[in-house]
Amino acid sequence: MDTEWMAEGKCRTIVPETFFPSDGLGVIRAQRICASCPVVERCLEYALENHIDHGVWGGCSERERRRLLRARRQRAQVSAG
C-alpha cells in the first residue's frame, strides 16, 4: 500500500507517543489533532487494511477501529448472503 500520504499528516510534527495514549483523555487529544488532518481518511483506511491494533489512526481509537472492521465484515456477509 502506498504510504506517501503520511508525509502530509499533521502527526508528522508531533511526538509519536501522543497517538499511543494510555487513557481516554489522551485519545481525545489525539483525535482533536486528527480532526483537521488532510489525510485522515487515508490514515484510517491504512490502519484498517493493515489491522493496526494500537494507537489512534485516522481519528479512531483501537476500539473504534475494531467496531468498524466488525461492521464491514457483517456487511460483507450480508452482501454475500
N, C-alpha and C. Protein backbone atom coordinates (compact mmCIF):
# COMPACT_ATOMS: atom_id res chain seq x y z
N MET A 1 0.84 -1.19 0.00
CA MET A 1 0.00 0.00 0.00
C MET A 1 0.88 1.25 0.00
N ASP A 2 0.48 2.23 -0.73
CA ASP A 2 1.18 3.50 -0.83
C ASP A 2 1.15 4.22 0.52
N THR A 3 2.29 4.72 0.96
CA THR A 3 2.35 5.44 2.23
C THR A 3 2.87 6.87 2.07
N GLU A 4 2.95 7.35 0.84
CA GLU A 4 3.43 8.71 0.61
C GLU A 4 2.55 9.75 1.30
N TRP A 5 1.28 9.45 1.47
CA TRP A 5 0.35 10.36 2.13
C TRP A 5 0.78 10.69 3.56
N MET A 6 1.55 9.80 4.16
CA MET A 6 1.97 10.01 5.55
C MET A 6 2.76 11.31 5.73
N ALA A 7 3.46 11.72 4.69
CA ALA A 7 4.25 12.96 4.76
C ALA A 7 3.36 14.19 4.90
N GLU A 8 2.07 14.04 4.61
CA GLU A 8 1.12 15.16 4.70
C GLU A 8 0.35 15.18 6.02
N GLY A 9 0.52 14.15 6.83
CA GLY A 9 -0.23 14.04 8.08
C GLY A 9 0.19 15.08 9.11
N LYS A 10 -0.78 15.57 9.85
CA LYS A 10 -0.49 16.52 10.92
C LYS A 10 0.39 15.89 12.00
N CYS A 11 0.31 14.59 12.13
CA CYS A 11 1.06 13.89 13.17
C CYS A 11 2.56 13.91 12.93
N ARG A 12 2.98 14.20 11.72
CA ARG A 12 4.41 14.14 11.39
C ARG A 12 5.24 15.12 12.22
N THR A 13 4.61 16.14 12.77
CA THR A 13 5.35 17.15 13.54
C THR A 13 5.10 17.02 15.04
N ILE A 14 4.43 15.95 15.44
CA ILE A 14 4.05 15.78 16.84
C ILE A 14 4.71 14.51 17.39
N VAL A 15 5.06 14.54 18.64
CA VAL A 15 5.69 13.40 19.29
C VAL A 15 4.80 12.16 19.10
N PRO A 16 5.35 11.06 18.56
CA PRO A 16 4.54 9.86 18.28
C PRO A 16 3.75 9.33 19.47
N GLU A 17 4.29 9.47 20.67
CA GLU A 17 3.60 8.95 21.86
C GLU A 17 2.21 9.57 22.04
N THR A 18 2.02 10.74 21.46
CA THR A 18 0.71 11.41 21.53
C THR A 18 -0.38 10.53 20.95
N PHE A 19 -0.03 9.72 19.95
CA PHE A 19 -1.02 8.90 19.25
C PHE A 19 -1.09 7.47 19.80
N PHE A 20 -0.39 7.24 20.90
CA PHE A 20 -0.43 5.94 21.57
C PHE A 20 -0.70 6.19 23.05
N PRO A 21 -1.86 6.79 23.34
CA PRO A 21 -2.19 7.20 24.71
C PRO A 21 -2.53 6.02 25.61
N SER A 22 -2.42 6.28 26.90
CA SER A 22 -2.73 5.24 27.88
C SER A 22 -4.07 5.48 28.56
N ASP A 23 -4.75 6.58 28.19
CA ASP A 23 -6.05 6.85 28.80
C ASP A 23 -6.98 7.56 27.82
N GLY A 24 -8.23 7.68 28.21
CA GLY A 24 -9.24 8.29 27.37
C GLY A 24 -8.97 9.74 27.01
N LEU A 25 -8.39 10.50 27.95
CA LEU A 25 -8.07 11.89 27.66
C LEU A 25 -7.01 11.99 26.58
N GLY A 26 -6.06 11.07 26.61
CA GLY A 26 -5.03 11.04 25.58
C GLY A 26 -5.62 10.73 24.22
N VAL A 27 -6.60 9.84 24.18
CA VAL A 27 -7.27 9.50 22.92
C VAL A 27 -7.98 10.74 22.38
N ILE A 28 -8.67 11.45 23.23
CA ILE A 28 -9.38 12.66 22.81
C ILE A 28 -8.39 13.69 22.27
N ARG A 29 -7.27 13.85 22.94
CA ARG A 29 -6.24 14.79 22.49
C ARG A 29 -5.76 14.43 21.08
N ALA A 30 -5.48 13.16 20.87
CA ALA A 30 -5.01 12.70 19.56
C ALA A 30 -6.11 12.88 18.51
N GLN A 31 -7.33 12.57 18.85
CA GLN A 31 -8.44 12.70 17.91
C GLN A 31 -8.65 14.15 17.49
N ARG A 32 -8.41 15.08 18.38
CA ARG A 32 -8.54 16.50 18.03
C ARG A 32 -7.51 16.90 16.98
N ILE A 33 -6.34 16.35 17.09
CA ILE A 33 -5.30 16.62 16.08
C ILE A 33 -5.73 16.02 14.74
N CYS A 34 -6.21 14.81 14.77
CA CYS A 34 -6.63 14.12 13.55
C CYS A 34 -7.81 14.81 12.86
N ALA A 35 -8.66 15.45 13.64
CA ALA A 35 -9.89 16.03 13.11
C ALA A 35 -9.65 17.01 11.97
N SER A 36 -8.53 17.71 12.00
CA SER A 36 -8.26 18.68 10.93
C SER A 36 -7.12 18.23 10.02
N CYS A 37 -6.81 16.96 10.05
CA CYS A 37 -5.72 16.43 9.23
C CYS A 37 -6.19 16.20 7.80
N PRO A 38 -5.39 16.61 6.82
CA PRO A 38 -5.81 16.46 5.42
C PRO A 38 -5.81 15.01 4.92
N VAL A 39 -5.18 14.09 5.66
CA VAL A 39 -5.11 12.71 5.19
C VAL A 39 -5.80 11.73 6.16
N VAL A 40 -6.72 12.24 6.95
CA VAL A 40 -7.35 11.42 7.98
C VAL A 40 -8.03 10.17 7.40
N GLU A 41 -8.69 10.30 6.25
CA GLU A 41 -9.37 9.15 5.66
C GLU A 41 -8.38 8.08 5.22
N ARG A 42 -7.29 8.52 4.58
CA ARG A 42 -6.28 7.56 4.12
C ARG A 42 -5.60 6.89 5.31
N CYS A 43 -5.40 7.64 6.37
CA CYS A 43 -4.78 7.10 7.58
C CYS A 43 -5.66 6.01 8.19
N LEU A 44 -6.94 6.30 8.30
CA LEU A 44 -7.86 5.31 8.86
C LEU A 44 -7.90 4.06 7.99
N GLU A 45 -7.98 4.24 6.71
CA GLU A 45 -8.04 3.10 5.80
C GLU A 45 -6.76 2.27 5.90
N TYR A 46 -5.64 2.93 6.02
CA TYR A 46 -4.35 2.24 6.17
C TYR A 46 -4.38 1.37 7.43
N ALA A 47 -4.83 1.93 8.53
CA ALA A 47 -4.88 1.19 9.79
C ALA A 47 -5.84 0.01 9.71
N LEU A 48 -6.98 0.21 9.05
CA LEU A 48 -7.95 -0.88 8.92
C LEU A 48 -7.41 -1.99 8.03
N GLU A 49 -6.86 -1.63 6.89
CA GLU A 49 -6.36 -2.63 5.95
C GLU A 49 -5.16 -3.40 6.49
N ASN A 50 -4.38 -2.76 7.34
CA ASN A 50 -3.18 -3.40 7.88
C ASN A 50 -3.39 -3.94 9.29
N HIS A 51 -4.63 -3.91 9.75
CA HIS A 51 -5.01 -4.45 11.07
C HIS A 51 -4.10 -3.92 12.18
N ILE A 52 -3.91 -2.61 12.19
CA ILE A 52 -3.10 -1.99 13.24
C ILE A 52 -3.94 -1.93 14.52
N ASP A 53 -3.43 -2.55 15.54
CA ASP A 53 -4.19 -2.72 16.78
C ASP A 53 -3.98 -1.63 17.82
N HIS A 54 -2.91 -0.87 17.70
CA HIS A 54 -2.58 0.08 18.77
C HIS A 54 -2.58 1.51 18.27
N GLY A 55 -2.97 2.40 19.15
CA GLY A 55 -2.89 3.82 18.87
C GLY A 55 -4.11 4.40 18.19
N VAL A 56 -4.04 5.71 17.99
CA VAL A 56 -5.09 6.45 17.29
C VAL A 56 -4.63 6.63 15.85
N TRP A 57 -5.41 6.15 14.92
CA TRP A 57 -5.12 6.26 13.48
C TRP A 57 -6.37 6.77 12.81
N GLY A 58 -6.21 7.73 11.94
CA GLY A 58 -7.37 8.25 11.22
C GLY A 58 -8.45 8.78 12.14
N GLY A 59 -8.05 9.25 13.29
CA GLY A 59 -9.01 9.81 14.23
C GLY A 59 -9.80 8.78 15.01
N CYS A 60 -9.45 7.51 14.88
CA CYS A 60 -10.20 6.45 15.57
C CYS A 60 -9.32 5.71 16.56
N SER A 61 -9.90 5.43 17.70
CA SER A 61 -9.20 4.65 18.72
C SER A 61 -9.16 3.18 18.30
N GLU A 62 -8.44 2.40 19.06
CA GLU A 62 -8.37 0.96 18.80
C GLU A 62 -9.76 0.34 18.82
N ARG A 63 -10.55 0.70 19.81
CA ARG A 63 -11.90 0.16 19.95
C ARG A 63 -12.78 0.56 18.77
N GLU A 64 -12.68 1.82 18.36
CA GLU A 64 -13.49 2.29 17.23
C GLU A 64 -13.12 1.56 15.94
N ARG A 65 -11.83 1.31 15.75
CA ARG A 65 -11.42 0.57 14.54
C ARG A 65 -11.91 -0.87 14.57
N ARG A 66 -11.90 -1.49 15.73
CA ARG A 66 -12.43 -2.86 15.83
C ARG A 66 -13.91 -2.88 15.46
N ARG A 67 -14.65 -1.88 15.93
CA ARG A 67 -16.09 -1.79 15.59
C ARG A 67 -16.28 -1.61 14.09
N LEU A 68 -15.48 -0.75 13.49
CA LEU A 68 -15.59 -0.52 12.04
C LEU A 68 -15.30 -1.80 11.26
N LEU A 69 -14.26 -2.52 11.66
CA LEU A 69 -13.93 -3.77 10.98
C LEU A 69 -15.05 -4.81 11.14
N ARG A 70 -15.61 -4.88 12.35
CA ARG A 70 -16.70 -5.82 12.60
C ARG A 70 -17.91 -5.48 11.72
N ALA A 71 -18.23 -4.19 11.64
CA ALA A 71 -19.37 -3.76 10.82
C ALA A 71 -19.11 -4.06 9.34
N ARG A 72 -17.90 -3.86 8.88
CA ARG A 72 -17.56 -4.17 7.48
C ARG A 72 -17.72 -5.66 7.20
N ARG A 73 -17.25 -6.49 8.13
CA ARG A 73 -17.39 -7.94 7.95
C ARG A 73 -18.86 -8.34 7.89
N GLN A 74 -19.67 -7.77 8.77
CA GLN A 74 -21.10 -8.09 8.78
C GLN A 74 -21.76 -7.68 7.48
N ARG A 75 -21.43 -6.48 6.98
CA ARG A 75 -22.00 -6.03 5.70
C ARG A 75 -21.58 -6.94 4.56
N ALA A 76 -20.33 -7.39 4.60
CA ALA A 76 -19.83 -8.27 3.55
C ALA A 76 -20.56 -9.61 3.59
N GLN A 77 -20.84 -10.11 4.79
CA GLN A 77 -21.56 -11.37 4.92
C GLN A 77 -22.99 -11.24 4.40
N VAL A 78 -23.62 -10.13 4.69
CA VAL A 78 -24.99 -9.88 4.23
C VAL A 78 -25.00 -9.77 2.71
N SER A 79 -24.02 -9.07 2.17
CA SER A 79 -23.94 -8.90 0.70
C SER A 79 -23.69 -10.23 0.01
N ALA A 80 -22.87 -11.08 0.64
CA ALA A 80 -22.55 -12.37 0.06
C ALA A 80 -23.73 -13.34 0.20
N GLY A 81 -24.55 -13.02 1.19
CA GLY A 81 -25.77 -13.67 1.53
C GLY A 81 -26.07 -14.98 1.11
